N, C-alpha and C. Protein backbone atom coordinates (compact mmCIF):
# COMPACT_ATOMS: atom_id res chain seq x y z
N MET A 1 199.01 60.95 241.65
CA MET A 1 199.11 59.94 240.63
C MET A 1 197.97 60.10 239.63
N GLU A 2 198.28 60.16 238.36
CA GLU A 2 197.25 60.32 237.34
C GLU A 2 197.09 59.02 236.56
N LEU A 3 195.85 58.55 236.48
CA LEU A 3 195.56 57.36 235.70
C LEU A 3 195.59 57.69 234.22
N LYS A 4 195.96 56.76 233.40
CA LYS A 4 196.02 56.99 231.95
C LYS A 4 194.81 56.43 231.22
N ASN A 5 194.12 55.46 231.81
CA ASN A 5 193.00 54.82 231.14
C ASN A 5 191.69 55.07 231.89
N TRP A 6 191.07 56.20 231.63
CA TRP A 6 189.81 56.56 232.26
C TRP A 6 188.67 55.93 231.48
N GLU A 7 187.63 55.48 232.18
CA GLU A 7 186.45 54.94 231.51
C GLU A 7 185.61 56.09 230.97
N GLU A 8 184.78 55.77 229.97
CA GLU A 8 183.89 56.77 229.40
C GLU A 8 182.96 57.33 230.47
N ILE A 9 182.58 58.58 230.28
CA ILE A 9 181.62 59.24 231.16
C ILE A 9 180.41 59.60 230.31
N THR A 10 179.22 59.20 230.76
CA THR A 10 177.99 59.59 230.07
C THR A 10 177.29 60.63 230.93
N ILE A 11 177.06 61.79 230.34
CA ILE A 11 176.42 62.90 231.04
C ILE A 11 175.00 63.03 230.51
N GLU A 12 174.02 63.00 231.42
CA GLU A 12 172.62 63.14 231.03
C GLU A 12 172.17 64.57 231.32
N PHE A 13 171.57 65.20 230.32
CA PHE A 13 171.06 66.55 230.44
C PHE A 13 169.54 66.51 230.46
N VAL A 14 168.92 67.56 230.97
CA VAL A 14 167.48 67.73 230.87
C VAL A 14 167.25 68.88 229.92
N ASP A 15 166.37 68.67 228.93
CA ASP A 15 166.11 69.70 227.92
C ASP A 15 164.83 70.43 228.26
N PRO A 16 164.93 71.59 228.93
CA PRO A 16 163.73 72.33 229.31
C PRO A 16 163.08 73.02 228.11
N VAL A 17 161.92 73.58 228.33
CA VAL A 17 161.20 74.26 227.26
C VAL A 17 161.94 75.52 226.83
N GLY A 18 162.56 76.23 227.74
CA GLY A 18 163.24 77.49 227.43
C GLY A 18 164.48 77.29 226.58
N THR A 19 165.65 77.50 227.15
CA THR A 19 166.91 77.33 226.44
C THR A 19 167.08 75.85 226.09
N SER A 20 167.32 75.59 224.81
CA SER A 20 167.39 74.20 224.34
C SER A 20 168.78 73.59 224.56
N THR A 21 168.82 72.56 225.38
CA THR A 21 170.05 71.81 225.59
C THR A 21 170.44 71.09 224.30
N SER A 22 169.43 70.53 223.61
CA SER A 22 169.70 69.83 222.35
C SER A 22 170.37 70.76 221.33
N LYS A 23 169.92 72.01 221.29
CA LYS A 23 170.51 72.97 220.35
C LYS A 23 171.97 73.23 220.70
N SER A 24 172.27 73.34 221.99
CA SER A 24 173.66 73.55 222.43
C SER A 24 174.53 72.35 222.08
N LEU A 25 174.02 71.14 222.27
CA LEU A 25 174.78 69.94 221.92
C LEU A 25 174.97 69.85 220.41
N TYR A 26 173.94 70.22 219.65
CA TYR A 26 174.03 70.18 218.19
C TYR A 26 175.11 71.14 217.68
N LYS A 27 175.25 72.29 218.35
CA LYS A 27 176.30 73.25 217.96
C LYS A 27 177.68 72.64 218.09
N LEU A 28 177.87 71.75 219.09
CA LEU A 28 179.16 71.06 219.23
C LEU A 28 179.46 70.23 217.98
N ILE A 29 178.42 69.61 217.42
CA ILE A 29 178.59 68.80 216.21
C ILE A 29 178.84 69.70 215.01
N GLU A 30 178.04 70.76 214.88
CA GLU A 30 178.18 71.68 213.75
C GLU A 30 179.57 72.31 213.70
N GLN A 31 180.09 72.68 214.86
CA GLN A 31 181.39 73.34 214.93
C GLN A 31 182.53 72.32 214.97
N GLU A 32 182.17 71.04 214.86
CA GLU A 32 183.15 69.95 214.86
C GLU A 32 184.08 70.01 216.07
N ILE A 33 183.49 70.33 217.21
CA ILE A 33 184.24 70.37 218.46
C ILE A 33 184.32 68.94 219.00
N ASP A 34 185.51 68.43 219.13
CA ASP A 34 185.64 67.08 219.66
C ASP A 34 186.41 67.05 220.98
N LYS A 35 187.09 68.13 221.31
CA LYS A 35 187.83 68.21 222.57
C LYS A 35 187.08 69.13 223.53
N LEU A 36 186.87 68.67 224.74
CA LEU A 36 186.15 69.45 225.75
C LEU A 36 186.97 69.56 227.02
N SER A 37 186.72 70.63 227.76
CA SER A 37 187.19 70.76 229.13
C SER A 37 186.00 71.24 229.93
N PHE A 38 185.71 70.57 231.02
CA PHE A 38 184.55 70.96 231.82
C PHE A 38 184.79 70.58 233.28
N THR A 39 183.93 71.10 234.14
CA THR A 39 184.01 70.86 235.57
C THR A 39 182.73 70.17 236.04
N ILE A 40 182.89 69.17 236.88
CA ILE A 40 181.75 68.50 237.50
C ILE A 40 181.83 68.76 239.00
N GLU A 41 180.71 69.21 239.58
CA GLU A 41 180.65 69.46 241.02
C GLU A 41 179.63 68.53 241.66
N MET A 42 180.01 67.91 242.78
CA MET A 42 179.08 67.11 243.57
C MET A 42 178.60 67.99 244.72
N LEU A 43 177.29 68.08 244.86
CA LEU A 43 176.70 68.93 245.89
C LEU A 43 176.12 68.10 247.02
N ASP A 44 176.16 68.66 248.23
CA ASP A 44 175.46 68.00 249.34
C ASP A 44 173.99 68.42 249.28
N PRO A 45 173.14 67.90 250.16
CA PRO A 45 171.70 68.22 250.09
C PRO A 45 171.37 69.71 250.22
N THR A 46 172.30 70.50 250.78
CA THR A 46 172.03 71.94 250.93
C THR A 46 172.59 72.76 249.77
N GLY A 47 173.24 72.10 248.80
CA GLY A 47 173.77 72.81 247.64
C GLY A 47 175.22 73.23 247.77
N VAL A 48 175.90 72.81 248.82
CA VAL A 48 177.31 73.14 249.02
C VAL A 48 178.17 72.15 248.22
N VAL A 49 179.18 72.68 247.50
CA VAL A 49 180.07 71.83 246.72
C VAL A 49 180.97 71.03 247.67
N VAL A 50 180.90 69.69 247.56
CA VAL A 50 181.73 68.84 248.41
C VAL A 50 182.83 68.14 247.62
N GLU A 51 182.70 68.12 246.30
CA GLU A 51 183.73 67.51 245.45
C GLU A 51 183.67 68.20 244.10
N LYS A 52 184.86 68.45 243.52
CA LYS A 52 184.93 69.14 242.24
C LYS A 52 186.01 68.51 241.38
N TRP A 53 185.66 68.19 240.12
CA TRP A 53 186.58 67.57 239.17
C TRP A 53 186.74 68.43 237.94
N GLU A 54 187.96 68.55 237.43
CA GLU A 54 188.22 69.16 236.12
C GLU A 54 188.51 68.01 235.16
N ILE A 55 187.76 67.96 234.07
CA ILE A 55 187.87 66.85 233.13
C ILE A 55 188.12 67.39 231.73
N SER A 56 189.06 66.77 231.03
CA SER A 56 189.33 67.07 229.62
C SER A 56 189.17 65.76 228.86
N GLY A 57 188.66 65.87 227.63
CA GLY A 57 188.49 64.66 226.84
C GLY A 57 187.84 64.94 225.51
N SER A 58 187.48 63.86 224.84
CA SER A 58 186.87 63.98 223.52
C SER A 58 185.46 63.41 223.54
N ILE A 59 184.60 63.96 222.70
CA ILE A 59 183.22 63.50 222.59
C ILE A 59 183.20 62.21 221.78
N ASN A 60 182.59 61.17 222.34
CA ASN A 60 182.42 59.92 221.61
C ASN A 60 181.06 59.83 220.94
N LYS A 61 180.02 60.34 221.64
CA LYS A 61 178.67 60.17 221.13
C LYS A 61 177.73 61.19 221.78
N ILE A 62 176.76 61.66 221.00
CA ILE A 62 175.68 62.49 221.52
C ILE A 62 174.38 61.84 221.10
N ASN A 63 173.47 61.61 222.08
CA ASN A 63 172.16 61.03 221.81
C ASN A 63 171.12 62.07 222.21
N PHE A 64 170.27 62.46 221.27
CA PHE A 64 169.31 63.53 221.53
C PHE A 64 168.01 63.06 222.16
N ASP A 65 167.86 61.78 222.47
CA ASP A 65 166.67 61.20 223.07
C ASP A 65 165.55 61.15 222.03
N LYS A 66 164.47 60.51 222.38
CA LYS A 66 163.34 60.36 221.46
C LYS A 66 162.16 61.18 221.96
N LEU A 67 161.52 61.87 221.04
CA LEU A 67 160.35 62.67 221.36
C LEU A 67 159.12 61.77 221.33
N ASN A 68 158.36 61.75 222.42
CA ASN A 68 157.16 60.93 222.50
C ASN A 68 156.01 61.84 222.94
N TYR A 69 155.14 62.16 222.01
CA TYR A 69 154.06 63.09 222.30
C TYR A 69 152.98 62.50 223.19
N SER A 70 152.99 61.19 223.42
CA SER A 70 151.98 60.58 224.29
C SER A 70 152.37 60.69 225.77
N LEU A 71 153.60 61.15 226.04
CA LEU A 71 154.08 61.32 227.41
C LEU A 71 154.41 62.78 227.69
N ASP A 72 154.39 63.15 228.94
CA ASP A 72 154.74 64.51 229.34
C ASP A 72 156.20 64.62 229.78
N ASP A 73 156.99 63.59 229.53
CA ASP A 73 158.38 63.58 229.98
C ASP A 73 159.22 64.62 229.25
N LEU A 74 160.24 65.14 229.94
CA LEU A 74 161.21 66.02 229.32
C LEU A 74 162.19 65.19 228.50
N LEU A 75 162.75 65.79 227.46
CA LEU A 75 163.83 65.12 226.73
C LEU A 75 165.06 65.07 227.63
N LYS A 76 165.80 63.97 227.53
CA LYS A 76 167.02 63.82 228.32
C LYS A 76 168.15 63.39 227.39
N PRO A 77 168.72 64.36 226.63
CA PRO A 77 169.84 64.01 225.77
C PRO A 77 171.05 63.61 226.60
N THR A 78 171.93 62.79 226.01
CA THR A 78 173.15 62.37 226.70
C THR A 78 174.36 62.63 225.81
N MET A 79 175.49 62.82 226.45
CA MET A 79 176.76 62.98 225.76
C MET A 79 177.76 62.05 226.43
N THR A 80 178.44 61.24 225.62
CA THR A 80 179.46 60.33 226.14
C THR A 80 180.83 60.90 225.80
N VAL A 81 181.66 61.03 226.83
CA VAL A 81 182.98 61.63 226.70
C VAL A 81 184.03 60.61 227.12
N GLN A 82 185.12 60.55 226.35
CA GLN A 82 186.27 59.73 226.72
C GLN A 82 187.31 60.65 227.36
N PRO A 83 187.44 60.63 228.69
CA PRO A 83 188.39 61.52 229.35
C PRO A 83 189.84 61.19 229.02
N THR A 84 190.63 62.24 228.87
CA THR A 84 192.07 62.08 228.74
C THR A 84 192.77 62.55 230.02
N SER A 85 192.04 63.37 230.80
CA SER A 85 192.57 63.87 232.07
C SER A 85 191.43 64.15 233.02
N CYS A 86 191.55 63.68 234.27
CA CYS A 86 190.59 63.96 235.33
C CYS A 86 191.39 64.37 236.57
N VAL A 87 191.09 65.57 237.06
CA VAL A 87 191.83 66.09 238.22
C VAL A 87 190.84 66.44 239.31
N LEU A 88 191.03 65.86 240.50
CA LEU A 88 190.20 66.17 241.65
C LEU A 88 190.69 67.48 242.25
N ILE A 89 189.86 68.53 242.19
CA ILE A 89 190.23 69.85 242.68
C ILE A 89 189.91 69.99 244.16
N LYS A 90 188.74 69.48 244.55
CA LYS A 90 188.29 69.64 245.94
C LYS A 90 187.74 68.33 246.45
């Protein structure tokens, strides 16, 4: 049975010093990509996949977080997606 009205999903990323997560998210905006398909895996404490979802949907919002030079915190940008399809694979 597939539900038709999925709630929004907010995905939080960590933006490390190396490869920029913010840059990757910004490319989604530049390329006007609004439809996504992605997989979410839930891992147990040893790193084994115990649950896997395939999700399709549209981007509602991207928040790049705020830079605060007085703190040593990493940036944590978020992306909010409105799913149109969620399928439990495992």
